[in-house]
Amino acid sequence: MTLILSGKYQGEEDFARKQFPGLTFSEKNVSDFSYDISGDIDAAASELASRVLSEKKDVIFCHIMGCGVVPVDERQRFHAELVGRTSCILAEKADEVWVVRAGIGSRIK
């Protein structure tokens, strides 16, 4: 599995289609999955990673959330933390991890 991390609207899908022709792509970004804000954040990240991986796609997209900006709203903080922790789990399991900015990909794993 290949994980592609990017900000929103950074050309990640165009990059992936050129770089990995013929592979299957996740239809939803990790940051777009629904979640419950109650309970343990680590358990929620593990559950979300399992849901993403159960789709059995070759390429998974995940938006980088905030880059250190901490949202004031509790739900937004939980969401940013959840996506960040989930991306760490996915990166550990991935064969390759890429970061895409301005349509240019850099392999980091």
N, C-alpha and C. Protein backbone atom coordinates (compact mmCIF):
# COMPACT_ATOMS: atom_id res chain seq x y z
N MET A 1 0.85 -1.17 0.00
CA MET A 1 0.00 0.00 0.00
C MET A 1 0.90 1.24 0.00
N THR A 2 0.45 2.26 -0.71
CA THR A 2 1.15 3.54 -0.77
C THR A 2 0.28 4.60 -0.13
N LEU A 3 0.86 5.38 0.76
CA LEU A 3 0.17 6.48 1.43
C LEU A 3 0.67 7.79 0.84
N ILE A 4 -0.27 8.65 0.44
CA ILE A 4 0.09 9.97 -0.07
C ILE A 4 -0.47 11.02 0.87
N LEU A 5 0.43 11.80 1.47
CA LEU A 5 0.08 12.89 2.38
C LEU A 5 0.16 14.20 1.62
N SER A 6 -0.81 15.07 1.85
CA SER A 6 -0.79 16.38 1.18
C SER A 6 -1.73 17.32 1.89
N GLY A 7 -1.58 18.60 1.59
CA GLY A 7 -2.59 19.57 1.97
C GLY A 7 -3.73 19.44 0.97
N LYS A 8 -4.82 20.13 1.23
CA LYS A 8 -5.93 20.09 0.28
C LYS A 8 -5.54 20.82 -1.00
N TYR A 9 -6.03 20.30 -2.10
CA TYR A 9 -5.87 20.93 -3.42
C TYR A 9 -4.40 21.11 -3.81
N GLN A 10 -3.59 20.09 -3.55
CA GLN A 10 -2.17 20.16 -3.88
C GLN A 10 -1.80 19.31 -5.09
N GLY A 11 -2.80 18.82 -5.80
CA GLY A 11 -2.53 18.02 -7.00
C GLY A 11 -2.16 16.58 -6.71
N GLU A 12 -2.55 16.10 -5.52
CA GLU A 12 -2.17 14.76 -5.10
C GLU A 12 -2.80 13.67 -5.97
N GLU A 13 -4.02 13.86 -6.40
CA GLU A 13 -4.66 12.83 -7.22
C GLU A 13 -4.05 12.77 -8.62
N ASP A 14 -3.78 13.91 -9.23
CA ASP A 14 -3.13 13.92 -10.54
C ASP A 14 -1.74 13.31 -10.44
N PHE A 15 -1.00 13.66 -9.40
CA PHE A 15 0.32 13.08 -9.19
C PHE A 15 0.23 11.56 -9.10
N ALA A 16 -0.71 11.07 -8.29
CA ALA A 16 -0.84 9.62 -8.07
C ALA A 16 -1.20 8.89 -9.35
N ARG A 17 -2.10 9.45 -10.14
CA ARG A 17 -2.52 8.78 -11.37
C ARG A 17 -1.36 8.70 -12.38
N LYS A 18 -0.49 9.69 -12.38
CA LYS A 18 0.68 9.65 -13.27
C LYS A 18 1.76 8.72 -12.72
N GLN A 19 1.97 8.77 -11.41
CA GLN A 19 3.04 8.00 -10.77
C GLN A 19 2.70 6.51 -10.64
N PHE A 20 1.41 6.22 -10.44
CA PHE A 20 0.99 4.84 -10.16
C PHE A 20 -0.15 4.39 -11.08
N PRO A 21 0.08 4.38 -12.39
CA PRO A 21 -1.00 3.98 -13.31
C PRO A 21 -1.39 2.52 -13.07
N GLY A 22 -2.69 2.27 -13.17
CA GLY A 22 -3.16 0.91 -13.05
C GLY A 22 -3.45 0.45 -11.63
N LEU A 23 -3.09 1.26 -10.63
CA LEU A 23 -3.37 0.88 -9.24
C LEU A 23 -4.75 1.36 -8.84
N THR A 24 -5.27 0.83 -7.75
CA THR A 24 -6.57 1.26 -7.24
C THR A 24 -6.36 2.37 -6.21
N PHE A 25 -7.22 3.38 -6.25
CA PHE A 25 -7.09 4.55 -5.39
C PHE A 25 -8.26 4.64 -4.42
N SER A 26 -7.98 5.09 -3.20
CA SER A 26 -9.06 5.31 -2.24
C SER A 26 -9.98 6.40 -2.79
N GLU A 27 -11.27 6.19 -2.60
CA GLU A 27 -12.25 7.17 -3.07
C GLU A 27 -12.41 8.30 -2.06
N LYS A 28 -12.17 8.01 -0.80
CA LYS A 28 -12.29 9.01 0.25
C LYS A 28 -10.91 9.28 0.84
N ASN A 29 -10.68 10.54 1.15
CA ASN A 29 -9.48 10.91 1.88
C ASN A 29 -9.66 10.48 3.33
N VAL A 30 -8.58 10.12 3.99
CA VAL A 30 -8.68 9.71 5.40
C VAL A 30 -9.39 10.79 6.22
N SER A 31 -9.14 12.05 5.90
CA SER A 31 -9.75 13.15 6.67
C SER A 31 -11.25 13.27 6.43
N ASP A 32 -11.79 12.56 5.44
CA ASP A 32 -13.22 12.64 5.13
C ASP A 32 -14.06 11.53 5.75
N PHE A 33 -13.42 10.56 6.41
CA PHE A 33 -14.17 9.49 7.05
C PHE A 33 -14.93 10.04 8.25
N SER A 34 -16.09 9.49 8.53
CA SER A 34 -16.85 9.88 9.71
C SER A 34 -16.23 9.24 10.95
N TYR A 35 -16.45 9.85 12.08
CA TYR A 35 -15.87 9.38 13.34
C TYR A 35 -16.71 9.85 14.51
N ASP A 36 -16.48 9.25 15.66
CA ASP A 36 -17.16 9.60 16.90
C ASP A 36 -16.15 10.28 17.81
N ILE A 37 -16.46 11.48 18.32
CA ILE A 37 -15.48 12.21 19.13
C ILE A 37 -15.43 11.75 20.58
N SER A 38 -16.26 10.81 20.95
CA SER A 38 -16.21 10.33 22.33
C SER A 38 -15.21 9.19 22.43
N GLY A 39 -14.62 9.03 23.57
CA GLY A 39 -13.72 7.90 23.78
C GLY A 39 -12.26 8.23 23.59
N ASP A 40 -11.47 7.19 23.59
CA ASP A 40 -10.02 7.28 23.54
C ASP A 40 -9.53 7.59 22.12
N ILE A 41 -8.66 8.58 21.99
CA ILE A 41 -8.17 9.00 20.68
C ILE A 41 -7.34 7.90 20.01
N ASP A 42 -6.54 7.18 20.79
CA ASP A 42 -5.73 6.11 20.19
C ASP A 42 -6.61 4.98 19.67
N ALA A 43 -7.64 4.62 20.41
CA ALA A 43 -8.57 3.59 19.95
C ALA A 43 -9.30 4.06 18.70
N ALA A 44 -9.68 5.33 18.67
CA ALA A 44 -10.37 5.87 17.49
C ALA A 44 -9.45 5.86 16.27
N ALA A 45 -8.18 6.20 16.44
CA ALA A 45 -7.22 6.20 15.33
C ALA A 45 -7.00 4.78 14.82
N SER A 46 -6.89 3.84 15.72
CA SER A 46 -6.70 2.44 15.34
C SER A 46 -7.91 1.94 14.56
N GLU A 47 -9.10 2.28 15.03
CA GLU A 47 -10.34 1.86 14.37
C GLU A 47 -10.44 2.52 12.98
N LEU A 48 -10.10 3.80 12.89
CA LEU A 48 -10.16 4.49 11.60
C LEU A 48 -9.15 3.89 10.62
N ALA A 49 -7.95 3.61 11.08
CA ALA A 49 -6.93 2.99 10.22
C ALA A 49 -7.43 1.64 9.71
N SER A 50 -8.06 0.87 10.58
CA SER A 50 -8.61 -0.43 10.17
C SER A 50 -9.69 -0.26 9.11
N ARG A 51 -10.55 0.74 9.27
CA ARG A 51 -11.60 1.00 8.28
C ARG A 51 -11.00 1.37 6.93
N VAL A 52 -9.98 2.22 6.96
CA VAL A 52 -9.33 2.65 5.72
C VAL A 52 -8.67 1.44 5.04
N LEU A 53 -7.93 0.65 5.81
CA LEU A 53 -7.22 -0.50 5.25
C LEU A 53 -8.16 -1.59 4.76
N SER A 54 -9.35 -1.68 5.36
CA SER A 54 -10.31 -2.72 4.95
C SER A 54 -10.81 -2.50 3.53
N GLU A 55 -10.65 -1.29 3.00
CA GLU A 55 -11.07 -1.02 1.62
C GLU A 55 -10.12 -1.64 0.60
N LYS A 56 -8.94 -2.06 1.07
CA LYS A 56 -7.97 -2.77 0.24
C LYS A 56 -7.61 -2.02 -1.04
N LYS A 57 -7.29 -0.75 -0.90
CA LYS A 57 -6.85 0.07 -2.04
C LYS A 57 -5.33 0.11 -2.07
N ASP A 58 -4.77 0.26 -3.27
CA ASP A 58 -3.32 0.33 -3.42
C ASP A 58 -2.76 1.67 -2.97
N VAL A 59 -3.53 2.75 -3.20
CA VAL A 59 -3.08 4.10 -2.87
C VAL A 59 -4.13 4.76 -1.98
N ILE A 60 -3.66 5.29 -0.84
CA ILE A 60 -4.54 5.96 0.13
C ILE A 60 -4.09 7.41 0.25
N PHE A 61 -5.06 8.32 0.25
CA PHE A 61 -4.78 9.75 0.39
C PHE A 61 -5.12 10.22 1.80
N CYS A 62 -4.29 11.09 2.33
CA CYS A 62 -4.54 11.66 3.65
C CYS A 62 -4.09 13.11 3.68
N HIS A 63 -5.00 14.00 4.03
CA HIS A 63 -4.62 15.42 4.14
C HIS A 63 -3.84 15.66 5.43
N ILE A 64 -2.83 16.47 5.31
CA ILE A 64 -2.07 16.92 6.47
C ILE A 64 -2.89 18.02 7.13
N MET A 65 -3.18 17.85 8.41
CA MET A 65 -4.10 18.75 9.10
C MET A 65 -3.36 19.79 9.94
N GLY A 66 -3.47 21.05 9.57
CA GLY A 66 -3.07 22.15 10.43
C GLY A 66 -1.59 22.48 10.51
N CYS A 67 -0.72 21.51 10.43
CA CYS A 67 0.73 21.74 10.54
C CYS A 67 1.09 22.57 11.77
N GLY A 68 0.55 22.18 12.91
CA GLY A 68 0.88 22.84 14.16
C GLY A 68 -0.13 23.87 14.63
N VAL A 69 -1.07 24.26 13.77
CA VAL A 69 -2.11 25.19 14.16
C VAL A 69 -3.15 24.41 14.96
N VAL A 70 -3.41 24.81 16.19
CA VAL A 70 -4.34 24.09 17.05
C VAL A 70 -5.70 24.78 16.98
N PRO A 71 -6.71 24.06 16.48
CA PRO A 71 -8.05 24.66 16.40
C PRO A 71 -8.63 24.97 17.79
N VAL A 72 -9.42 26.00 17.87
CA VAL A 72 -10.06 26.39 19.13
C VAL A 72 -11.20 25.43 19.47
N ASP A 73 -11.94 25.01 18.45
CA ASP A 73 -13.09 24.14 18.63
C ASP A 73 -12.65 22.72 19.01
N GLU A 74 -13.29 22.15 20.04
CA GLU A 74 -12.92 20.81 20.52
C GLU A 74 -13.08 19.73 19.45
N ARG A 75 -14.15 19.79 18.70
CA ARG A 75 -14.37 18.79 17.65
C ARG A 75 -13.29 18.88 16.57
N GLN A 76 -12.92 20.09 16.20
CA GLN A 76 -11.88 20.27 15.19
C GLN A 76 -10.52 19.80 15.71
N ARG A 77 -10.24 20.04 16.99
CA ARG A 77 -8.99 19.54 17.59
C ARG A 77 -8.95 18.03 17.56
N PHE A 78 -10.06 17.39 17.94
CA PHE A 78 -10.14 15.95 17.92
C PHE A 78 -9.92 15.42 16.50
N HIS A 79 -10.57 16.06 15.54
CA HIS A 79 -10.45 15.64 14.14
C HIS A 79 -8.99 15.73 13.66
N ALA A 80 -8.34 16.86 13.93
CA ALA A 80 -6.94 17.03 13.52
C ALA A 80 -6.03 15.99 14.18
N GLU A 81 -6.24 15.76 15.46
CA GLU A 81 -5.44 14.77 16.19
C GLU A 81 -5.71 13.35 15.67
N LEU A 82 -6.97 13.06 15.42
CA LEU A 82 -7.35 11.74 14.91
C LEU A 82 -6.72 11.47 13.54
N VAL A 83 -6.80 12.42 12.64
CA VAL A 83 -6.22 12.24 11.30
C VAL A 83 -4.70 12.11 11.40
N GLY A 84 -4.08 12.92 12.26
CA GLY A 84 -2.63 12.83 12.45
C GLY A 84 -2.19 11.48 12.98
N ARG A 85 -2.86 10.99 14.01
CA ARG A 85 -2.51 9.69 14.58
C ARG A 85 -2.80 8.55 13.60
N THR A 86 -3.90 8.67 12.88
CA THR A 86 -4.24 7.65 11.89
C THR A 86 -3.19 7.62 10.78
N SER A 87 -2.74 8.79 10.34
CA SER A 87 -1.73 8.81 9.29
C SER A 87 -0.43 8.17 9.76
N CYS A 88 -0.10 8.29 11.03
CA CYS A 88 1.10 7.63 11.58
C CYS A 88 0.95 6.11 11.51
N ILE A 89 -0.22 5.61 11.86
CA ILE A 89 -0.48 4.16 11.80
C ILE A 89 -0.37 3.67 10.36
N LEU A 90 -1.00 4.41 9.44
CA LEU A 90 -0.98 4.02 8.04
C LEU A 90 0.43 4.09 7.46
N ALA A 91 1.18 5.12 7.83
CA ALA A 91 2.56 5.26 7.33
C ALA A 91 3.43 4.09 7.78
N GLU A 92 3.21 3.64 9.00
CA GLU A 92 3.98 2.51 9.51
C GLU A 92 3.69 1.24 8.70
N LYS A 93 2.45 1.07 8.28
CA LYS A 93 2.04 -0.13 7.55
C LYS A 93 2.32 -0.02 6.04
N ALA A 94 2.52 1.19 5.55
CA ALA A 94 2.68 1.42 4.12
C ALA A 94 4.02 0.93 3.60
N ASP A 95 4.02 0.51 2.34
CA ASP A 95 5.26 0.16 1.66
C ASP A 95 6.00 1.44 1.24
N GLU A 96 5.22 2.44 0.83
CA GLU A 96 5.77 3.73 0.41
C GLU A 96 4.92 4.83 1.01
N VAL A 97 5.58 5.95 1.35
CA VAL A 97 4.88 7.15 1.80
C VAL A 97 5.43 8.32 0.99
N TRP A 98 4.51 9.10 0.42
CA TRP A 98 4.86 10.26 -0.38
C TRP A 98 4.21 11.50 0.22
N VAL A 99 4.87 12.64 0.10
CA VAL A 99 4.29 13.94 0.43
C VAL A 99 4.19 14.71 -0.87
N VAL A 100 3.02 15.29 -1.13
CA VAL A 100 2.81 16.04 -2.37
C VAL A 100 2.49 17.48 -2.04
N ARG A 101 3.25 18.38 -2.65
CA ARG A 101 3.02 19.83 -2.55
C ARG A 101 3.11 20.40 -3.95
N ALA A 102 2.12 21.20 -4.32
CA ALA A 102 2.11 21.84 -5.65
C ALA A 102 2.29 20.83 -6.77
N GLY A 103 1.69 19.66 -6.58
CA GLY A 103 1.72 18.62 -7.60
C GLY A 103 3.02 17.86 -7.72
N ILE A 104 3.99 18.15 -6.84
CA ILE A 104 5.28 17.48 -6.88
C ILE A 104 5.38 16.55 -5.68
N GLY A 105 5.69 15.29 -5.97
CA GLY A 105 5.77 14.30 -4.91
C GLY A 105 7.20 14.05 -4.47
N SER A 106 7.37 13.87 -3.17
CA SER A 106 8.65 13.49 -2.59
C SER A 106 8.44 12.23 -1.78
N ARG A 107 9.19 11.21 -2.09
CA ARG A 107 9.07 9.95 -1.35
C ARG A 107 9.82 10.07 -0.03
N ILE A 108 9.12 9.78 1.07
CA ILE A 108 9.76 9.86 2.38
C ILE A 108 9.93 8.49 3.02
N LYS A 109 9.34 7.47 2.42
CA LYS A 109 9.53 6.09 2.87
C LYS A 109 9.46 5.19 1.67
